[in-house]
Amino acid sequence: MQLVSHTFLIQPCEFLWRFVLKPWRCIVFRVKNYN
């Protein structure tokens, strides 16, 4: 658990990219195709 927490703290950008930016881009892409 210690190692996982350490990695998470060191790479917050990676976390944001995987769980925030990618889904957001997907949503924007769908909205653009819908309109």
PDB file of N, CA and C in Angstrom:
ATOM      1  N   MET A   1       0.835  -1.213   0.000  1.00  0.00           N
ATOM      2  CA  MET A   1       0.000   0.000   0.000  1.00  0.00           C
ATOM      3  C   MET A   1       0.866   1.257   0.000  1.00  0.00           C
ATOM      4  N   GLN A   2       1.965   1.204   0.730  1.00  0.00           N
ATOM      5  CA  GLN A   2       2.852   2.363   0.804  1.00  0.00           C
ATOM      6  C   GLN A   2       3.371   2.735  -0.579  1.00  0.00           C
ATOM      7  N   LEU A   3       3.795   1.738  -1.318  1.00  0.00           N
ATOM      8  CA  LEU A   3       4.349   1.986  -2.659  1.00  0.00           C
ATOM      9  C   LEU A   3       3.280   2.561  -3.589  1.00  0.00           C
ATOM     10  N   VAL A   4       2.082   2.037  -3.495  1.00  0.00           N
ATOM     11  CA  VAL A   4       0.991   2.515  -4.350  1.00  0.00           C
ATOM     12  C   VAL A   4       0.693   3.978  -4.056  1.00  0.00           C
ATOM     13  N   SER A   5       0.631   4.325  -2.778  1.00  0.00           N
ATOM     14  CA  SER A   5       0.357   5.718  -2.409  1.00  0.00           C
ATOM     15  C   SER A   5       1.468   6.625  -2.913  1.00  0.00           C
ATOM     16  N   HIS A   6       2.687   6.172  -2.786  1.00  0.00           N
ATOM     17  CA  HIS A   6       3.834   6.965  -3.230  1.00  0.00           C
ATOM     18  C   HIS A   6       3.745   7.209  -4.738  1.00  0.00           C
ATOM     19  N   THR A   7       3.431   6.183  -5.482  1.00  0.00           N
ATOM     20  CA  THR A   7       3.326   6.309  -6.936  1.00  0.00           C
ATOM     21  C   THR A   7       2.187   7.251  -7.305  1.00  0.00           C
ATOM     22  N   PHE A   8       1.087   7.142  -6.599  1.00  0.00           N
ATOM     23  CA  PHE A   8      -0.068   7.991  -6.877  1.00  0.00           C
ATOM     24  C   PHE A   8       0.284   9.457  -6.645  1.00  0.00           C
ATOM     25  N   LEU A   9       1.023   9.724  -5.590  1.00  0.00           N
ATOM     26  CA  LEU A   9       1.397  11.105  -5.281  1.00  0.00           C
ATOM     27  C   LEU A   9       2.380  11.645  -6.298  1.00  0.00           C
ATOM     28  N   ILE A  10       3.239  10.779  -6.806  1.00  0.00           N
ATOM     29  CA  ILE A  10       4.264  11.230  -7.762  1.00  0.00           C
ATOM     30  C   ILE A  10       3.651  11.479  -9.143  1.00  0.00           C
ATOM     31  N   GLN A  11       2.630  10.711  -9.485  1.00  0.00           N
ATOM     32  CA  GLN A  11       2.065  10.834 -10.839  1.00  0.00           C
ATOM     33  C   GLN A  11       0.586  11.235 -10.814  1.00  0.00           C
ATOM     34  N   PRO A  12       0.269  12.402 -10.282  1.00  0.00           N
ATOM     35  CA  PRO A  12      -1.135  12.828 -10.305  1.00  0.00           C
ATOM     36  C   PRO A  12      -1.595  13.185 -11.709  1.00  0.00           C
ATOM     37  N   CYS A  13      -0.659  13.653 -12.527  1.00  0.00           N
ATOM     38  CA  CYS A  13      -1.007  14.015 -13.906  1.00  0.00           C
ATOM     39  C   CYS A  13      -1.425  12.779 -14.690  1.00  0.00           C
ATOM     40  N   GLU A  14      -0.733  11.685 -14.450  1.00  0.00           N
ATOM     41  CA  GLU A  14      -1.074  10.438 -15.132  1.00  0.00           C
ATOM     42  C   GLU A  14      -2.484   9.998 -14.746  1.00  0.00           C
ATOM     43  N   PHE A  15      -2.784  10.132 -13.458  1.00  0.00           N
ATOM     44  CA  PHE A  15      -4.111   9.773 -12.971  1.00  0.00           C
ATOM     45  C   PHE A  15      -5.171  10.651 -13.628  1.00  0.00           C
ATOM     46  N   LEU A  16      -4.895  11.960 -13.658  1.00  0.00           N
ATOM     47  CA  LEU A  16      -5.855  12.887 -14.268  1.00  0.00           C
ATOM     48  C   LEU A  16      -6.050  12.568 -15.745  1.00  0.00           C
ATOM     49  N   TRP A  17      -4.954  12.287 -16.430  1.00  0.00           N
ATOM     50  CA  TRP A  17      -5.039  12.013 -17.862  1.00  0.00           C
ATOM     51  C   TRP A  17      -5.903  10.784 -18.130  1.00  0.00           C
ATOM     52  N   ARG A  18      -5.707   9.733 -17.327  1.00  0.00           N
ATOM     53  CA  ARG A  18      -6.427   8.475 -17.593  1.00  0.00           C
ATOM     54  C   ARG A  18      -7.897   8.545 -17.215  1.00  0.00           C
ATOM     55  N   PHE A  19      -8.189   9.229 -16.092  1.00  0.00           N
ATOM     56  CA  PHE A  19      -9.554   9.145 -15.563  1.00  0.00           C
ATOM     57  C   PHE A  19     -10.379  10.407 -15.753  1.00  0.00           C
ATOM     58  N   VAL A  20      -9.755  11.479 -16.251  1.00  0.00           N
ATOM     59  CA  VAL A  20     -10.503  12.724 -16.449  1.00  0.00           C
ATOM     60  C   VAL A  20     -10.441  13.181 -17.904  1.00  0.00           C
ATOM     61  N   LEU A  21      -9.244  13.381 -18.412  1.00  0.00           N
ATOM     62  CA  LEU A  21      -9.099  13.949 -19.754  1.00  0.00           C
ATOM     63  C   LEU A  21      -9.580  12.996 -20.838  1.00  0.00           C
ATOM     64  N   LYS A  22      -9.250  11.727 -20.726  1.00  0.00           N
ATOM     65  CA  LYS A  22      -9.675  10.789 -21.771  1.00  0.00           C
ATOM     66  C   LYS A  22     -11.197  10.675 -21.859  1.00  0.00           C
ATOM     67  N   PRO A  23     -11.899  10.462 -20.746  1.00  0.00           N
ATOM     68  CA  PRO A  23     -13.365  10.401 -20.822  1.00  0.00           C
ATOM     69  C   PRO A  23     -13.968  11.721 -21.301  1.00  0.00           C
ATOM     70  N   TRP A  24     -13.365  12.844 -20.886  1.00  0.00           N
ATOM     71  CA  TRP A  24     -13.894  14.142 -21.314  1.00  0.00           C
ATOM     72  C   TRP A  24     -13.761  14.302 -22.816  1.00  0.00           C
ATOM     73  N   ARG A  25     -12.634  13.909 -23.364  1.00  0.00           N
ATOM     74  CA  ARG A  25     -12.452  13.985 -24.822  1.00  0.00           C
ATOM     75  C   ARG A  25     -13.479  13.102 -25.524  1.00  0.00           C
ATOM     76  N   CYS A  26     -13.760  11.971 -24.960  1.00  0.00           N
ATOM     77  CA  CYS A  26     -14.749  11.065 -25.549  1.00  0.00           C
ATOM     78  C   CYS A  26     -16.124  11.731 -25.578  1.00  0.00           C
ATOM     79  N   ILE A  27     -16.465  12.378 -24.471  1.00  0.00           N
ATOM     80  CA  ILE A  27     -17.767  13.042 -24.387  1.00  0.00           C
ATOM     81  C   ILE A  27     -17.855  14.170 -25.405  1.00  0.00           C
ATOM     82  N   VAL A  28     -16.817  14.975 -25.485  1.00  0.00           N
ATOM     83  CA  VAL A  28     -16.808  16.094 -26.434  1.00  0.00           C
ATOM     84  C   VAL A  28     -16.929  15.570 -27.860  1.00  0.00           C
ATOM     85  N   PHE A  29     -16.222  14.483 -28.147  1.00  0.00           N
ATOM     86  CA  PHE A  29     -16.271  13.898 -29.486  1.00  0.00           C
ATOM     87  C   PHE A  29     -17.691  13.449 -29.826  1.00  0.00           C
ATOM     88  N   ARG A  30     -18.362  12.838 -28.863  1.00  0.00           N
ATOM     89  CA  ARG A  30     -19.731  12.379 -29.112  1.00  0.00           C
ATOM     90  C   ARG A  30     -20.672  13.541 -29.326  1.00  0.00           C
ATOM     91  N   VAL A  31     -20.494  14.576 -28.526  1.00  0.00           N
ATOM     92  CA  VAL A  31     -21.371  15.745 -28.665  1.00  0.00           C
ATOM     93  C   VAL A  31     -21.186  16.391 -30.028  1.00  0.00           C
ATOM     94  N   LYS A  32     -19.949  16.493 -30.479  1.00  0.00           N
ATOM     95  CA  LYS A  32     -19.692  17.104 -31.783  1.00  0.00           C
ATOM     96  C   LYS A  32     -20.304  16.263 -32.904  1.00  0.00           C
ATOM     97  N   ASN A  33     -20.225  14.959 -32.781  1.00  0.00           N
ATOM     98  CA  ASN A  33     -20.812  14.096 -33.802  1.00  0.00           C
ATOM     99  C   ASN A  33     -22.338  14.158 -33.772  1.00  0.00           C
ATOM    100  N   TYR A  34     -22.879  14.341 -32.590  1.00  0.00           N
ATOM    101  CA  TYR A  34     -24.335  14.372 -32.442  1.00  0.00           C
ATOM    102  C   TYR A  34     -24.909  15.620 -33.101  1.00  0.00           C
ATOM    103  N   ASN A  35     -24.248  16.753 -32.947  1.00  0.00           N
ATOM    104  CA  ASN A  35     -24.758  18.008 -33.497  1.00  0.00           C
ATOM    105  C   ASN A  35     -24.473  18.132 -34.982  1.00  0.00           C
TER     106      ASN A  35
END
